[in-house]
Amino acid sequence: METQLKMHRGKPRRVILLVGQTYRTVSSSVLVTEKIAGSYRTESPSGWVQEIRCVWQYPDGHIEWDFSTGGHWKEGV
């Protein structure tokens, strides 16, 4: 099903994210909390925190990234 979603969304483009902005993903959303030399620290509604790199945005607004590092649960979750 994800392949079908990608086909309908059109061709993605590399994008610069804005700190404080929430972006949709295929399965959820992420809030960009900080820009760190070539990556973005994000937090999902579940409390998962990670740094994402090489971000792509589709015409419908969804984002995806090539890889992430430092994934962990936010303290207190």
C-alpha atoms as a PDB file:
ATOM      1  CA  MET A   1       0.000   0.000   0.000  1.00  0.00           C
ATOM      2  CA  GLU A   2       2.842   2.429   0.738  1.00  0.00           C
ATOM      3  CA  THR A   3       4.080   2.013  -2.837  1.00  0.00           C
ATOM      4  CA  GLN A   4       0.626   3.012  -4.088  1.00  0.00           C
ATOM      5  CA  LEU A   5       0.676   6.088  -1.827  1.00  0.00           C
ATOM      6  CA  LYS A   6       4.043   7.165  -3.224  1.00  0.00           C
ATOM      7  CA  MET A   7       2.826   6.766  -6.796  1.00  0.00           C
ATOM      8  CA  HIS A   8      -0.189   8.986  -6.148  1.00  0.00           C
ATOM      9  CA  ARG A   9       1.771  11.672  -4.328  1.00  0.00           C
ATOM     10  CA  GLY A  10       4.007  12.530  -7.252  1.00  0.00           C
ATOM     11  CA  LYS A  11       7.735  13.169  -7.355  1.00  0.00           C
ATOM     12  CA  PRO A  12       9.350  14.331  -4.086  1.00  0.00           C
ATOM     13  CA  ARG A  13      11.836  17.177  -3.755  1.00  0.00           C
ATOM     14  CA  ARG A  14      14.527  17.896  -1.193  1.00  0.00           C
ATOM     15  CA  VAL A  15      13.271  20.361   1.389  1.00  0.00           C
ATOM     16  CA  ILE A  16      14.523  22.577   4.212  1.00  0.00           C
ATOM     17  CA  LEU A  17      12.329  22.141   7.293  1.00  0.00           C
ATOM     18  CA  LEU A  18      11.293  24.924   9.663  1.00  0.00           C
ATOM     19  CA  VAL A  19      11.933  24.596  13.398  1.00  0.00           C
ATOM     20  CA  GLY A  20       8.639  24.620  15.314  1.00  0.00           C
ATOM     21  CA  GLN A  21       6.646  23.297  12.345  1.00  0.00           C
ATOM     22  CA  THR A  22       4.788  19.960  12.369  1.00  0.00           C
ATOM     23  CA  TYR A  23       5.035  17.863   9.217  1.00  0.00           C
ATOM     24  CA  ARG A  24       2.928  14.854   8.181  1.00  0.00           C
ATOM     25  CA  THR A  25       4.482  11.462   7.485  1.00  0.00           C
ATOM     26  CA  VAL A  26       2.861   8.408   5.903  1.00  0.00           C
ATOM     27  CA  SER A  27       1.972   6.948   9.307  1.00  0.00           C
ATOM     28  CA  SER A  28       1.937   9.912  11.724  1.00  0.00           C
ATOM     29  CA  SER A  29       3.548  13.310  12.075  1.00  0.00           C
ATOM     30  CA  VAL A  30       6.736  14.828  13.439  1.00  0.00           C
ATOM     31  CA  LEU A  31       7.458  18.156  15.095  1.00  0.00           C
ATOM     32  CA  VAL A  32      10.802  19.696  14.149  1.00  0.00           C
ATOM     33  CA  THR A  33      12.344  20.884  17.422  1.00  0.00           C
ATOM     34  CA  GLU A  34      15.894  21.813  16.415  1.00  0.00           C
ATOM     35  CA  LYS A  35      18.229  22.116  13.406  1.00  0.00           C
ATOM     36  CA  ILE A  36      21.600  20.479  14.010  1.00  0.00           C
ATOM     37  CA  ALA A  37      24.377  20.735  11.393  1.00  0.00           C
ATOM     38  CA  GLY A  38      22.812  18.879   8.468  1.00  0.00           C
ATOM     39  CA  SER A  39      19.995  17.182  10.352  1.00  0.00           C
ATOM     40  CA  TYR A  40      16.767  17.972  12.169  1.00  0.00           C
ATOM     41  CA  ARG A  41      15.777  16.784  15.642  1.00  0.00           C
ATOM     42  CA  THR A  42      12.161  15.668  15.543  1.00  0.00           C
ATOM     43  CA  GLU A  43       9.585  14.403  18.010  1.00  0.00           C
ATOM     44  CA  SER A  44       6.562  12.266  17.170  1.00  0.00           C
ATOM     45  CA  PRO A  45       3.243  12.341  19.078  1.00  0.00           C
ATOM     46  CA  SER A  46       4.244   9.049  20.748  1.00  0.00           C
ATOM     47  CA  GLY A  47       7.337  10.673  22.273  1.00  0.00           C
ATOM     48  CA  TRP A  48       9.917   9.144  19.892  1.00  0.00           C
ATOM     49  CA  VAL A  49      12.803  11.596  19.356  1.00  0.00           C
ATOM     50  CA  GLN A  50      15.308  11.250  16.500  1.00  0.00           C
ATOM     51  CA  GLU A  51      17.530  13.206  14.146  1.00  0.00           C
ATOM     52  CA  ILE A  52      16.447  12.903  10.515  1.00  0.00           C
ATOM     53  CA  ARG A  53      18.660  13.514   7.494  1.00  0.00           C
ATOM     54  CA  CYS A  54      18.150  13.987   3.740  1.00  0.00           C
ATOM     55  CA  VAL A  55      14.498  15.028   3.924  1.00  0.00           C
ATOM     56  CA  TRP A  56      12.124  14.804   0.951  1.00  0.00           C
ATOM     57  CA  GLN A  57       8.671  16.373   0.626  1.00  0.00           C
ATOM     58  CA  TYR A  58       5.912  15.187  -1.714  1.00  0.00           C
ATOM     59  CA  PRO A  59       3.474  17.547  -3.460  1.00  0.00           C
ATOM     60  CA  ASP A  60       0.743  16.607  -0.943  1.00  0.00           C
ATOM     61  CA  GLY A  61       2.956  17.795   1.942  1.00  0.00           C
ATOM     62  CA  HIS A  62       4.063  14.436   3.389  1.00  0.00           C
ATOM     63  CA  ILE A  63       7.756  14.117   4.241  1.00  0.00           C
ATOM     64  CA  GLU A  64      10.141  11.175   4.258  1.00  0.00           C
ATOM     65  CA  TRP A  65      13.849  10.959   5.021  1.00  0.00           C
ATOM     66  CA  ASP A  66      16.719   8.779   3.901  1.00  0.00           C
ATOM     67  CA  PHE A  67      17.891   7.856   7.413  1.00  0.00           C
ATOM     68  CA  SER A  68      17.755   8.827  11.066  1.00  0.00           C
ATOM     69  CA  THR A  69      20.122   8.603  14.042  1.00  0.00           C
ATOM     70  CA  GLY A  70      19.926   8.867  17.819  1.00  0.00           C
ATOM     71  CA  GLY A  71      16.390   7.521  18.140  1.00  0.00           C
ATOM     72  CA  HIS A  72      15.106   7.297  21.730  1.00  0.00           C
ATOM     73  CA  TRP A  73      11.994   7.789  23.844  1.00  0.00           C
ATOM     74  CA  LYS A  74      11.567  11.245  25.334  1.00  0.00           C
ATOM     75  CA  GLU A  75      12.091  11.315  29.106  1.00  0.00           C
ATOM     76  CA  GLY A  76       8.865  10.894  31.051  1.00  0.00           C
ATOM     77  CA  VAL A  77       7.028   8.975  28.309  1.00  0.00           C
END
